[in-house]
Amino acid sequence: MSIRLSICIPIYNCGAFVGQALDSILPQTMDGIEVVVYDGGSTDGTPALMESYSRLWANFHYHRGSERGGIDADMATCVALARGEYCWLFSGDDVMRPGAIERALEWMKQGKDIYICKHTICSKEMVILHEHPVLSPDQAFTLNLVNCDERLEWFQHAVTTEAFFSFISGMVVRRQKWQDGELPEAFSKSCWGHVARFFGLISSGLTACYVPEVWLDQRGDNDSFADKGMVARFRIGIEGYHRLADSFFGHESLEALHIRRVIRNEFGLKEFLMLKIRCMKFPARESRQELDRLVRMTYCDRSPAIDIKRFIYFGTPYVVISALGFFYQQIKWMRRILNNA
């Protein structure tokens, strides 16, 4: 039997959450759908849990590596193990919405190379906080990225880096197109190997479709990339996408300009100021020097608005930032009380 869609889930020590993910996916599966989990050598209870799912579901396939290869390598391995015409790249701690596979199959009839869907942002306990934007306006959009005019229009409408393939759970990819690309060595341990793969395919033609439908809920406050501190986590996103933009489009290109604009959307002045306070409080864990470098990188373009934000970050005394942070936390606390009243 031919496989139309493979749900590809690379995991590592995700035993506390992957069961909820699988429970949201497997009951939706049907003939022609498989679920492939690749475990990069988990040291928690994941193997025993996966064995129980293997006994229950014939279309569930669990593969375990001897060691963790990192998200870039493990994701590539997971897709290589799949057999579907399309692969839905999925995180082991997110939750698929009921009916999402049926909707994906319907959209896949268009035959595009990549589909990007909407999703919500949730707390760690999966309480929905808000929908996460991708494009503005929020409407269906199809294009071939090899076409310069279409590509620039897509980039102009981008609100977050999800328009540039950052979030794996939100993407359904034609497996043959994925295999036509490669994981560049320069990005093999960057956490953005899949983005580099897609950017590398643009010159040969890469069709994409944005689907303005919520197909999943993303678990927040469970970022495995923040284990070395928040400055290091910011570096992955900011430096990573600046490198991608410069490597594939050139620093002065309009594409790179829009990627940097989107980075400023995702890493705002408020977040930089709060992290500056954190650097002051925990200097052994958070590097102020590295944060300053990332702020300069984020605000490298010149405009009055960007110049003002750069001046506020570097020119505002610590005591003022600390006071503003205190009042901001109080406002958040009051809003939470009022929302629960």
C-alpha atoms as a PDB file:
ATOM      1  CA  MET A   1       0.000   0.000   0.000  1.00  0.00           C
ATOM      2  CA  SER A   2       1.342   3.417  -0.932  1.00  0.00           C
ATOM      3  CA  ILE A   3       1.797   5.955   1.854  1.00  0.00           C
ATOM      4  CA  ARG A   4       0.334   9.374   1.185  1.00  0.00           C
ATOM      5  CA  LEU A   5       1.486  11.100   4.379  1.00  0.00           C
ATOM      6  CA  SER A   6       4.114  10.352   7.015  1.00  0.00           C
ATOM      7  CA  ILE A   7       4.010  12.172  10.346  1.00  0.00           C
ATOM      8  CA  CYS A   8       7.729  12.499  11.173  1.00  0.00           C
ATOM      9  CA  ILE A   9       8.583  13.126  14.832  1.00  0.00           C
ATOM     10  CA  PRO A  10      12.244  13.427  15.900  1.00  0.00           C
ATOM     11  CA  ILE A  11      12.531  13.299  19.697  1.00  0.00           C
ATOM     12  CA  TYR A  12      15.010  13.220  22.547  1.00  0.00           C
ATOM     13  CA  ASN A  13      14.002  12.730  26.198  1.00  0.00           C
ATOM     14  CA  CYS A  14      10.446  13.741  25.377  1.00  0.00           C
ATOM     15  CA  GLY A  15       8.747  10.986  27.357  1.00  0.00           C
ATOM     16  CA  ALA A  16       6.718  13.418  29.462  1.00  0.00           C
ATOM     17  CA  PHE A  17       4.945  14.881  26.417  1.00  0.00           C
ATOM     18  CA  VAL A  18       5.234  12.642  23.358  1.00  0.00           C
ATOM     19  CA  GLY A  19       2.372  10.421  24.522  1.00  0.00           C
ATOM     20  CA  GLN A  20      -0.009  13.376  24.379  1.00  0.00           C
ATOM     21  CA  ALA A  21       1.277  14.223  20.908  1.00  0.00           C
ATOM     22  CA  LEU A  22       0.755  10.649  19.673  1.00  0.00           C
ATOM     23  CA  ASP A  23      -2.683  10.433  21.279  1.00  0.00           C
ATOM     24  CA  SER A  24      -3.694  13.493  19.247  1.00  0.00           C
ATOM     25  CA  ILE A  25      -2.298  12.066  15.994  1.00  0.00           C
ATOM     26  CA  LEU A  26      -2.785   8.298  15.833  1.00  0.00           C
ATOM     27  CA  PRO A  27      -6.610   8.238  16.187  1.00  0.00           C
ATOM     28  CA  GLN A  28      -6.779  10.478  13.101  1.00  0.00           C
ATOM     29  CA  THR A  29      -4.714   8.133  10.942  1.00  0.00           C
ATOM     30  CA  MET A  30      -6.190   5.950   8.240  1.00  0.00           C
ATOM     31  CA  ASP A  31      -4.978   3.833   5.341  1.00  0.00           C
ATOM     32  CA  GLY A  32      -2.046   5.519   3.658  1.00  0.00           C
ATOM     33  CA  ILE A  33      -0.950   7.383   6.792  1.00  0.00           C
ATOM     34  CA  GLU A  34       2.040   6.404   8.940  1.00  0.00           C
ATOM     35  CA  VAL A  35       3.656   7.878  12.038  1.00  0.00           C
ATOM     36  CA  VAL A  36       7.453   7.676  12.237  1.00  0.00           C
ATOM     37  CA  VAL A  37       9.266   8.511  15.470  1.00  0.00           C
ATOM     38  CA  TYR A  38      13.041   8.757  15.481  1.00  0.00           C
ATOM     39  CA  ASP A  39      14.572   8.808  18.957  1.00  0.00           C
ATOM     40  CA  GLY A  40      18.075  10.218  19.172  1.00  0.00           C
ATOM     41  CA  GLY A  41      19.077   7.981  22.083  1.00  0.00           C
ATOM     42  CA  SER A  42      16.717   9.150  24.842  1.00  0.00           C
ATOM     43  CA  THR A  43      17.791   8.373  28.388  1.00  0.00           C
ATOM     44  CA  ASP A  44      14.351   8.765  29.982  1.00  0.00           C
ATOM     45  CA  GLY A  45      11.341   6.440  29.762  1.00  0.00           C
ATOM     46  CA  THR A  46      10.728   7.102  26.069  1.00  0.00           C
ATOM     47  CA  PRO A  47      11.725   3.631  24.718  1.00  0.00           C
ATOM     48  CA  ALA A  48       9.295   1.742  26.972  1.00  0.00           C
ATOM     49  CA  LEU A  49       6.491   4.178  26.143  1.00  0.00           C
ATOM     50  CA  MET A  50       7.138   3.834  22.400  1.00  0.00           C
ATOM     51  CA  GLU A  51       7.048   0.044  22.694  1.00  0.00           C
ATOM     52  CA  SER A  52       3.505   0.268  24.035  1.00  0.00           C
ATOM     53  CA  TYR A  53       2.414   2.360  21.039  1.00  0.00           C
ATOM     54  CA  SER A  54       4.120  -0.066  18.643  1.00  0.00           C
ATOM     55  CA  ARG A  55       1.968  -2.884  20.024  1.00  0.00           C
ATOM     56  CA  LEU A  56      -1.244  -0.887  19.616  1.00  0.00           C
ATOM     57  CA  TRP A  57      -0.786   0.752  16.212  1.00  0.00           C
ATOM     58  CA  ALA A  58       0.357  -1.107  13.071  1.00  0.00           C
ATOM     59  CA  ASN A  59       1.105   2.158  11.267  1.00  0.00           C
ATOM     60  CA  PHE A  60       3.361   3.427  14.070  1.00  0.00           C
ATOM     61  CA  HIS A  61       7.104   2.961  13.535  1.00  0.00           C
ATOM     62  CA  TYR A  62       9.656   3.663  16.244  1.00  0.00           C
ATOM     63  CA  HIS A  63      13.360   3.887  15.495  1.00  0.00           C
ATOM     64  CA  ARG A  64      16.021   4.518  18.105  1.00  0.00           C
ATOM     65  CA  GLY A  65      19.501   5.856  17.425  1.00  0.00           C
ATOM     66  CA  SER A  66      22.489   5.101  19.625  1.00  0.00           C
ATOM     67  CA  GLU A  67      23.200   8.777  20.309  1.00  0.00           C
ATOM     68  CA  ARG A  68      21.714  12.213  19.890  1.00  0.00           C
ATOM     69  CA  GLY A  69      22.571  13.721  16.543  1.00  0.00           C
ATOM     70  CA  GLY A  70      20.956  17.104  17.166  1.00  0.00           C
ATOM     71  CA  ILE A  71      17.679  18.338  15.733  1.00  0.00           C
ATOM     72  CA  ASP A  72      19.107  18.975  12.234  1.00  0.00           C
ATOM     73  CA  ALA A  73      20.560  15.485  11.785  1.00  0.00           C
ATOM     74  CA  ASP A  74      17.756  13.676  13.634  1.00  0.00           C
ATOM     75  CA  MET A  75      15.074  15.374  11.566  1.00  0.00           C
ATOM     76  CA  ALA A  76      16.853  14.371   8.362  1.00  0.00           C
ATOM     77  CA  THR A  77      17.126  10.791   9.624  1.00  0.00           C
ATOM     78  CA  CYS A  78      13.426  10.715  10.504  1.00  0.00           C
ATOM     79  CA  VAL A  79      12.417  11.828   7.005  1.00  0.00           C
ATOM     80  CA  ALA A  80      14.799   9.285   5.469  1.00  0.00           C
ATOM     81  CA  LEU A  81      13.009   6.522   7.406  1.00  0.00           C
ATOM     82  CA  ALA A  82       9.576   7.656   6.193  1.00  0.00           C
ATOM     83  CA  ARG A  83       7.839   6.295   3.125  1.00  0.00           C
ATOM     84  CA  GLY A  84       5.166   8.899   2.482  1.00  0.00           C
ATOM     85  CA  GLU A  85       4.766  11.105  -0.554  1.00  0.00           C
ATOM     86  CA  TYR A  86       4.531  13.956   1.959  1.00  0.00           C
ATOM     87  CA  CYS A  87       6.035  14.308   5.422  1.00  0.00           C
ATOM     88  CA  TRP A  88       4.494  16.360   8.194  1.00  0.00           C
ATOM     89  CA  LEU A  89       7.425  17.410  10.363  1.00  0.00           C
ATOM     90  CA  PHE A  90       6.123  17.410  13.932  1.00  0.00           C
ATOM     91  CA  SER A  91       7.533  18.161  17.378  1.00  0.00           C
ATOM     92  CA  GLY A  92       7.144  15.552  20.086  1.00  0.00           C
ATOM     93  CA  ASP A  93       5.597  17.963  22.577  1.00  0.00           C
ATOM     94  CA  ASP A  94       2.963  19.645  20.392  1.00  0.00           C
ATOM     95  CA  VAL A  95      -0.664  18.553  19.985  1.00  0.00           C
ATOM     96  CA  MET A  96      -2.446  18.068  16.680  1.00  0.00           C
ATOM     97  CA  ARG A  97      -5.979  19.401  16.334  1.00  0.00           C
ATOM     98  CA  PRO A  98      -8.817  16.939  15.562  1.00  0.00           C
ATOM     99  CA  GLY A  99      -9.421  16.748  11.816  1.00  0.00           C
ATOM    100  CA  ALA A 100      -6.014  18.251  10.966  1.00  0.00           C
ATOM    101  CA  ILE A 101      -4.805  15.265   8.944  1.00  0.00           C
ATOM    102  CA  GLU A 102      -7.990  15.280   6.879  1.00  0.00           C
ATOM    103  CA  ARG A 103      -7.540  19.003   6.178  1.00  0.00           C
ATOM    104  CA  ALA A 104      -3.871  18.481   5.278  1.00  0.00           C
ATOM    105  CA  LEU A 105      -4.783  15.720   2.820  1.00  0.00           C
ATOM    106  CA  GLU A 106      -7.334  18.021   1.200  1.00  0.00           C
ATOM    107  CA  TRP A 107      -4.807  20.847   0.745  1.00  0.00           C
ATOM    108  CA  MET A 108      -2.148  18.425  -0.494  1.00  0.00           C
ATOM    109  CA  LYS A 109      -4.273  17.804  -3.579  1.00  0.00           C
ATOM    110  CA  GLN A 110      -2.857  21.096  -4.895  1.00  0.00           C
ATOM    111  CA  GLY A 111       0.515  19.380  -5.193  1.00  0.00           C
ATOM    112  CA  LYS A 112       2.702  22.098  -3.660  1.00  0.00           C
ATOM    113  CA  ASP A 113       6.120  21.294  -2.231  1.00  0.00           C
ATOM    114  CA  ILE A 114       5.563  22.857   1.210  1.00  0.00           C
ATOM    115  CA  TYR A 115       2.448  23.723   3.206  1.00  0.00           C
ATOM    116  CA  ILE A 116       2.653  26.021   6.218  1.00  0.00           C
ATOM    117  CA  CYS A 117      -0.290  26.098   8.616  1.00  0.00           C
ATOM    118  CA  LYS A 118      -1.272  28.265  11.572  1.00  0.00           C
ATOM    119  CA  HIS A 119      -1.084  27.183  15.204  1.00  0.00           C
ATOM    120  CA  THR A 120      -1.691  28.457  18.685  1.00  0.00           C
ATOM    121  CA  ILE A 121       0.807  29.204  21.433  1.00  0.00           C
ATOM    122  CA  CYS A 122      -0.013  27.453  24.710  1.00  0.00           C
ATOM    123  CA  SER A 123       1.347  27.242  28.216  1.00  0.00           C
ATOM    124  CA  LYS A 124       3.328  24.180  29.224  1.00  0.00           C
ATOM    125  CA  GLU A 125       0.035  22.742  30.488  1.00  0.00           C
ATOM    126  CA  MET A 126      -1.499  23.311  27.009  1.00  0.00           C
ATOM    127  CA  VAL A 127      -3.738  26.218  27.996  1.00  0.00           C
ATOM    128  CA  ILE A 128      -4.211  28.195  24.783  1.00  0.00           C
ATOM    129  CA  LEU A 129      -2.792  31.716  25.007  1.00  0.00           C
ATOM    130  CA  HIS A 130      -3.135  33.066  21.463  1.00  0.00           C
ATOM    131  CA  GLU A 131      -2.823  32.259  17.760  1.00  0.00           C
ATOM    132  CA  HIS A 132       0.611  32.788  16.263  1.00  0.00           C
ATOM    133  CA  PRO A 133       0.779  34.934  13.107  1.00  0.00           C
ATOM    134  CA  VAL A 134       2.626  33.876   9.965  1.00  0.00           C
ATOM    135  CA  LEU A 135       1.609  36.251   7.169  1.00  0.00           C
ATOM    136  CA  SER A 136      -0.326  39.504   7.050  1.00  0.00           C
ATOM    137  CA  PRO A 137      -2.982  39.641   5.780  1.00  0.00           C
ATOM    138  CA  ASP A 138      -3.943  36.234   7.165  1.00  0.00           C
ATOM    139  CA  GLN A 139      -5.170  34.604   3.977  1.00  0.00           C
ATOM    140  CA  ALA A 140      -4.227  31.708   1.730  1.00  0.00           C
ATOM    141  CA  PHE A 141      -1.101  32.389  -0.307  1.00  0.00           C
ATOM    142  CA  THR A 142       0.602  30.205  -2.927  1.00  0.00           C
ATOM    143  CA  LEU A 143       3.784  30.898  -4.836  1.00  0.00           C
ATOM    144  CA  ASN A 144       6.883  29.518  -6.463  1.00  0.00           C
ATOM    145  CA  LEU A 145       9.868  30.893  -4.564  1.00  0.00           C
ATOM    146  CA  VAL A 146      12.063  30.781  -7.668  1.00  0.00           C
ATOM    147  CA  ASN A 147       9.970  33.650  -9.049  1.00  0.00           C
ATOM    148  CA  CYS A 148      11.557  36.852  -7.703  1.00  0.00           C
ATOM    149  CA  ASP A 149       8.350  38.916  -7.671  1.00  0.00           C
ATOM    150  CA  GLU A 150       6.353  36.193  -5.926  1.00  0.00           C
ATOM    151  CA  ARG A 151       9.166  35.560  -3.449  1.00  0.00           C
ATOM    152  CA  LEU A 152       9.467  39.242  -2.529  1.00  0.00           C
ATOM    153  CA  GLU A 153       5.710  39.520  -2.091  1.00  0.00           C
ATOM    154  CA  TRP A 154       5.811  36.542   0.307  1.00  0.00           C
ATOM    155  CA  PHE A 155       8.718  38.058   2.223  1.00  0.00           C
ATOM    156  CA  GLN A 156       6.940  41.427   2.450  1.00  0.00           C
ATOM    157  CA  HIS A 157       3.887  39.764   4.000  1.00  0.00           C
ATOM    158  CA  ALA A 158       5.936  37.741   6.515  1.00  0.00           C
ATOM    159  CA  VAL A 159       5.203  38.555  10.158  1.00  0.00           C
ATOM    160  CA  THR A 160       7.294  35.849  11.834  1.00  0.00           C
ATOM    161  CA  THR A 161      10.095  33.505  10.795  1.00  0.00           C
ATOM    162  CA  GLU A 162       7.495  30.782  10.350  1.00  0.00           C
ATOM    163  CA  ALA A 163       7.022  32.256   6.886  1.00  0.00           C
ATOM    164  CA  PHE A 164      10.683  31.254   6.425  1.00  0.00           C
ATOM    165  CA  PHE A 165      10.157  27.647   7.571  1.00  0.00           C
ATOM    166  CA  SER A 166      11.317  28.009  11.195  1.00  0.00           C
ATOM    167  CA  PHE A 167       8.626  25.937  12.956  1.00  0.00           C
ATOM    168  CA  ILE A 168       8.758  22.258  12.029  1.00  0.00           C
ATOM    169  CA  SER A 169       5.341  21.265  13.424  1.00  0.00           C
ATOM    170  CA  GLY A 170       3.671  23.728  11.083  1.00  0.00           C
ATOM    171  CA  MET A 171       5.039  22.257   7.850  1.00  0.00           C
ATOM    172  CA  VAL A 172       3.998  19.487   5.479  1.00  0.00           C
ATOM    173  CA  VAL A 173       6.730  18.810   2.909  1.00  0.00           C
ATOM    174  CA  ARG A 174       6.894  16.771  -0.283  1.00  0.00           C
ATOM    175  CA  ARG A 175       9.413  14.068   0.592  1.00  0.00           C
ATOM    176  CA  GLN A 176      11.038  13.956  -2.844  1.00  0.00           C
ATOM    177  CA  LYS A 177      11.617  17.710  -2.759  1.00  0.00           C
ATOM    178  CA  TRP A 178      13.214  17.351   0.700  1.00  0.00           C
ATOM    179  CA  GLN A 179      15.500  14.625  -0.667  1.00  0.00           C
ATOM    180  CA  ASP A 180      16.449  16.819  -3.626  1.00  0.00           C
ATOM    181  CA  GLY A 181      18.001  19.239  -1.152  1.00  0.00           C
ATOM    182  CA  GLU A 182      20.851  18.762   1.278  1.00  0.00           C
ATOM    183  CA  LEU A 183      21.830  19.650   4.821  1.00  0.00           C
ATOM    184  CA  PRO A 184      24.686  22.143   4.327  1.00  0.00           C
ATOM    185  CA  GLU A 185      27.629  21.462   6.602  1.00  0.00           C
ATOM    186  CA  ALA A 186      27.727  25.132   7.650  1.00  0.00           C
ATOM    187  CA  PHE A 187      24.220  24.776   9.139  1.00  0.00           C
ATOM    188  CA  SER A 188      24.333  21.142  10.298  1.00  0.00           C
ATOM    189  CA  LYS A 189      24.300  22.021  14.004  1.00  0.00           C
ATOM    190  CA  SER A 190      22.596  25.396  13.845  1.00  0.00           C
ATOM    191  CA  CYS A 191      19.008  24.200  14.549  1.00  0.00           C
ATOM    192  CA  TRP A 192      18.164  25.682  11.128  1.00  0.00           C
ATOM    193  CA  GLY A 193      19.423  22.885   8.881  1.00  0.00           C
ATOM    194  CA  HIS A 194      15.940  22.345   7.484  1.00  0.00           C
ATOM    195  CA  VAL A 195      15.622  26.059   6.636  1.00  0.00           C
ATOM    196  CA  ALA A 196      19.006  25.977   4.866  1.00  0.00           C
ATOM    197  CA  ARG A 197      17.817  22.922   2.947  1.00  0.00           C
ATOM    198  CA  PHE A 198      14.710  24.761   1.725  1.00  0.00           C
ATOM    199  CA  PHE A 199      16.545  27.997   0.924  1.00  0.00           C
ATOM    200  CA  GLY A 200      19.018  25.950  -1.106  1.00  0.00           C
ATOM    201  CA  LEU A 201      16.157  24.528  -3.177  1.00  0.00           C
ATOM    202  CA  ILE A 202      14.718  27.914  -4.180  1.00  0.00           C
ATOM    203  CA  SER A 203      16.894  28.299  -7.271  1.00  0.00           C
ATOM    204  CA  SER A 204      15.554  25.048  -8.747  1.00  0.00           C
ATOM    205  CA  GLY A 205      11.925  25.859  -7.947  1.00  0.00           C
ATOM    206  CA  LEU A 206      10.113  25.487  -4.642  1.00  0.00           C
ATOM    207  CA  THR A 207       6.345  25.862  -4.482  1.00  0.00           C
ATOM    208  CA  ALA A 208       4.780  26.830  -1.169  1.00  0.00           C
ATOM    209  CA  CYS A 209       1.304  27.390   0.220  1.00  0.00           C
ATOM    210  CA  TYR A 210       0.245  29.127   3.407  1.00  0.00           C
ATOM    211  CA  VAL A 211      -2.921  27.629   4.889  1.00  0.00           C
ATOM    212  CA  PRO A 212      -4.719  30.062   7.242  1.00  0.00           C
ATOM    213  CA  GLU A 213      -6.134  27.256   9.396  1.00  0.00           C
ATOM    214  CA  VAL A 214      -5.062  26.191  12.891  1.00  0.00           C
ATOM    215  CA  TRP A 215      -3.928  22.578  12.693  1.00  0.00           C
ATOM    216  CA  LEU A 216      -2.066  22.251  15.996  1.00  0.00           C
ATOM    217  CA  ASP A 217      -1.367  23.694  19.419  1.00  0.00           C
ATOM    218  CA  GLN A 218       2.258  24.433  20.294  1.00  0.00           C
ATOM    219  CA  ARG A 219       3.431  23.743  23.826  1.00  0.00           C
ATOM    220  CA  GLY A 220       5.229  26.765  25.271  1.00  0.00           C
ATOM    221  CA  ASP A 221       7.711  27.063  28.141  1.00  0.00           C
ATOM    222  CA  ASN A 222       9.356  23.805  27.077  1.00  0.00           C
ATOM    223  CA  ASP A 223      12.230  25.081  24.966  1.00  0.00           C
ATOM    224  CA  SER A 224      15.034  22.525  25.007  1.00  0.00           C
ATOM    225  CA  PHE A 225      17.312  25.052  23.278  1.00  0.00           C
ATOM    226  CA  ALA A 226      17.244  27.386  26.315  1.00  0.00           C
ATOM    227  CA  ASP A 227      19.216  25.040  28.577  1.00  0.00           C
ATOM    228  CA  LYS A 228      22.313  27.246  28.235  1.00  0.00           C
ATOM    229  CA  GLY A 229      20.500  30.462  29.127  1.00  0.00           C
ATOM    230  CA  MET A 230      18.192  32.906  27.400  1.00  0.00           C
ATOM    231  CA  VAL A 231      20.988  34.897  25.755  1.00  0.00           C
ATOM    232  CA  ALA A 232      22.173  31.698  24.094  1.00  0.00           C
ATOM    233  CA  ARG A 233      18.584  30.988  23.029  1.00  0.00           C
ATOM    234  CA  PHE A 234      18.269  34.454  21.498  1.00  0.00           C
ATOM    235  CA  ARG A 235      21.557  33.872  19.692  1.00  0.00           C
ATOM    236  CA  ILE A 236      20.192  30.755  17.966  1.00  0.00           C
ATOM    237  CA  GLY A 237      17.337  32.731  16.434  1.00  0.00           C
ATOM    238  CA  ILE A 238      19.004  36.079  15.747  1.00  0.00           C
ATOM    239  CA  GLU A 239      22.431  34.965  14.581  1.00  0.00           C
ATOM    240  CA  GLY A 240      21.023  31.898  12.850  1.00  0.00           C
ATOM    241  CA  TYR A 241      18.612  33.811  10.636  1.00  0.00           C
ATOM    242  CA  HIS A 242      21.116  36.589   9.920  1.00  0.00           C
ATOM    243  CA  ARG A 243      23.523  33.910   8.685  1.00  0.00           C
ATOM    244  CA  LEU A 244      20.808  32.301   6.581  1.00  0.00           C
ATOM    245  CA  ALA A 245      19.826  35.626   5.036  1.00  0.00           C
ATOM    246  CA  ASP A 246      23.408  36.603   4.194  1.00  0.00           C
ATOM    247  CA  SER A 247      24.406  33.143   2.934  1.00  0.00           C
ATOM    248  CA  PHE A 248      21.487  32.520   0.592  1.00  0.00           C
ATOM    249  CA  PHE A 249      20.407  36.017  -0.474  1.00  0.00           C
ATOM    250  CA  GLY A 250      23.228  38.437   0.336  1.00  0.00           C
ATOM    251  CA  HIS A 251      23.252  41.035   3.115  1.00  0.00           C
ATOM    252  CA  GLU A 252      22.060  43.899   0.894  1.00  0.00           C
ATOM    253  CA  SER A 253      19.224  41.955  -0.749  1.00  0.00           C
ATOM    254  CA  LEU A 254      15.559  42.779  -0.213  1.00  0.00           C
ATOM    255  CA  GLU A 255      15.031  39.229   1.046  1.00  0.00           C
ATOM    256  CA  ALA A 256      17.656  39.697   3.752  1.00  0.00           C
ATOM    257  CA  LEU A 257      16.164  43.075   4.648  1.00  0.00           C
ATOM    258  CA  HIS A 258      12.772  41.464   5.257  1.00  0.00           C
ATOM    259  CA  ILE A 259      14.290  38.598   7.241  1.00  0.00           C
ATOM    260  CA  ARG A 260      15.976  41.139   9.521  1.00  0.00           C
ATOM    261  CA  ARG A 261      12.675  43.037   9.837  1.00  0.00           C
ATOM    262  CA  VAL A 262      10.929  39.850  10.924  1.00  0.00           C
ATOM    263  CA  ILE A 263      13.690  39.105  13.439  1.00  0.00           C
ATOM    264  CA  ARG A 264      12.996  42.520  14.978  1.00  0.00           C
ATOM    265  CA  ASN A 265       9.324  41.489  15.214  1.00  0.00           C
ATOM    266  CA  GLU A 266      10.200  38.343  17.122  1.00  0.00           C
ATOM    267  CA  PHE A 267      12.921  39.825  19.323  1.00  0.00           C
ATOM    268  CA  GLY A 268      11.544  43.166  20.460  1.00  0.00           C
ATOM    269  CA  LEU A 269      12.951  45.969  22.552  1.00  0.00           C
ATOM    270  CA  LYS A 270      10.922  44.893  25.592  1.00  0.00           C
ATOM    271  CA  GLU A 271      12.432  41.410  25.478  1.00  0.00           C
ATOM    272  CA  PHE A 272      15.938  42.830  25.101  1.00  0.00           C
ATOM    273  CA  LEU A 273      15.470  45.123  28.098  1.00  0.00           C
ATOM    274  CA  MET A 274      14.110  42.294  30.264  1.00  0.00           C
ATOM    275  CA  LEU A 275      17.032  40.110  29.249  1.00  0.00           C
ATOM    276  CA  LYS A 276      19.429  42.953  30.060  1.00  0.00           C
ATOM    277  CA  ILE A 277      18.068  42.886  33.629  1.00  0.00           C
ATOM    278  CA  ARG A 278      18.530  39.112  33.705  1.00  0.00           C
ATOM    279  CA  CYS A 279      22.159  39.544  32.656  1.00  0.00           C
ATOM    280  CA  MET A 280      22.692  41.906  35.576  1.00  0.00           C
ATOM    281  CA  LYS A 281      21.109  39.459  38.034  1.00  0.00           C
ATOM    282  CA  PHE A 282      22.724  36.254  36.727  1.00  0.00           C
ATOM    283  CA  PRO A 283      26.072  37.246  35.163  1.00  0.00           C
ATOM    284  CA  ALA A 284      27.477  33.729  35.498  1.00  0.00           C
ATOM    285  CA  ARG A 285      24.704  32.316  33.279  1.00  0.00           C
ATOM    286  CA  GLU A 286      23.772  35.210  30.992  1.00  0.00           C
ATOM    287  CA  SER A 287      26.409  37.154  29.045  1.00  0.00           C
ATOM    288  CA  ARG A 288      25.761  40.881  28.823  1.00  0.00           C
ATOM    289  CA  GLN A 289      28.534  41.232  26.245  1.00  0.00           C
ATOM    290  CA  GLU A 290      26.896  38.613  24.017  1.00  0.00           C
ATOM    291  CA  LEU A 291      23.486  40.233  24.433  1.00  0.00           C
ATOM    292  CA  ASP A 292      24.904  43.620  23.427  1.00  0.00           C
ATOM    293  CA  ARG A 293      26.349  42.001  20.300  1.00  0.00           C
ATOM    294  CA  LEU A 294      22.995  40.458  19.407  1.00  0.00           C
ATOM    295  CA  VAL A 295      21.211  43.789  19.908  1.00  0.00           C
ATOM    296  CA  ARG A 296      23.668  45.497  17.557  1.00  0.00           C
ATOM    297  CA  MET A 297      23.096  42.735  15.023  1.00  0.00           C
ATOM    298  CA  THR A 298      19.302  43.022  15.319  1.00  0.00           C
ATOM    299  CA  TYR A 299      19.416  46.810  14.928  1.00  0.00           C
ATOM    300  CA  CYS A 300      22.084  46.867  12.202  1.00  0.00           C
ATOM    301  CA  ASP A 301      19.760  48.521   9.679  1.00  0.00           C
ATOM    302  CA  ARG A 302      19.324  52.296   9.829  1.00  0.00           C
ATOM    303  CA  SER A 303      16.024  54.102  10.263  1.00  0.00           C
ATOM    304  CA  PRO A 304      14.756  56.593  12.862  1.00  0.00           C
ATOM    305  CA  ALA A 305      12.661  53.897  14.599  1.00  0.00           C
ATOM    306  CA  ILE A 306      15.565  51.424  14.724  1.00  0.00           C
ATOM    307  CA  ASP A 307      17.989  54.115  15.909  1.00  0.00           C
ATOM    308  CA  ILE A 308      15.628  55.074  18.750  1.00  0.00           C
ATOM    309  CA  LYS A 309      15.314  51.464  19.922  1.00  0.00           C
ATOM    310  CA  ARG A 310      19.076  50.997  19.830  1.00  0.00           C
ATOM    311  CA  PHE A 311      19.528  54.216  21.822  1.00  0.00           C
ATOM    312  CA  ILE A 312      16.943  53.150  24.417  1.00  0.00           C
ATOM    313  CA  TYR A 313      18.630  49.781  24.924  1.00  0.00           C
ATOM    314  CA  PHE A 314      22.152  51.126  25.314  1.00  0.00           C
ATOM    315  CA  GLY A 315      21.261  54.478  26.905  1.00  0.00           C
ATOM    316  CA  THR A 316      18.686  53.588  29.558  1.00  0.00           C
ATOM    317  CA  PRO A 317      20.232  53.197  33.049  1.00  0.00           C
ATOM    318  CA  TYR A 318      19.858  49.832  34.742  1.00  0.00           C
ATOM    319  CA  VAL A 319      17.822  51.273  37.615  1.00  0.00           C
ATOM    320  CA  VAL A 320      15.219  52.619  35.166  1.00  0.00           C
ATOM    321  CA  ILE A 321      15.026  49.323  33.266  1.00  0.00           C
ATOM    322  CA  SER A 322      14.693  47.439  36.535  1.00  0.00           C
ATOM    323  CA  ALA A 323      11.833  49.701  37.693  1.00  0.00           C
ATOM    324  CA  LEU A 324      10.033  49.322  34.367  1.00  0.00           C
ATOM    325  CA  GLY A 325      10.481  45.561  34.581  1.00  0.00           C
ATOM    326  CA  PHE A 326       8.985  45.493  38.052  1.00  0.00           C
ATOM    327  CA  PHE A 327       5.907  47.451  36.973  1.00  0.00           C
ATOM    328  CA  TYR A 328       5.528  45.302  33.869  1.00  0.00           C
ATOM    329  CA  GLN A 329       5.496  42.141  35.985  1.00  0.00           C
ATOM    330  CA  GLN A 330       2.904  43.701  38.302  1.00  0.00           C
ATOM    331  CA  ILE A 331       0.680  44.553  35.342  1.00  0.00           C
ATOM    332  CA  LYS A 332       0.980  40.977  34.034  1.00  0.00           C
ATOM    333  CA  TRP A 333       0.087  39.662  37.497  1.00  0.00           C
ATOM    334  CA  MET A 334      -2.988  41.918  37.700  1.00  0.00           C
ATOM    335  CA  ARG A 335      -4.148  40.877  34.242  1.00  0.00           C
ATOM    336  CA  ARG A 336      -3.824  37.220  35.204  1.00  0.00           C
ATOM    337  CA  ILE A 337      -5.911  37.835  38.351  1.00  0.00           C
ATOM    338  CA  LEU A 338      -8.588  39.695  36.396  1.00  0.00           C
ATOM    339  CA  ASN A 339      -8.718  37.048  33.657  1.00  0.00           C
ATOM    340  CA  ASN A 340      -9.238  34.334  36.263  1.00  0.00           C
ATOM    341  CA  ALA A 341     -11.841  36.290  38.228  1.00  0.00           C
END
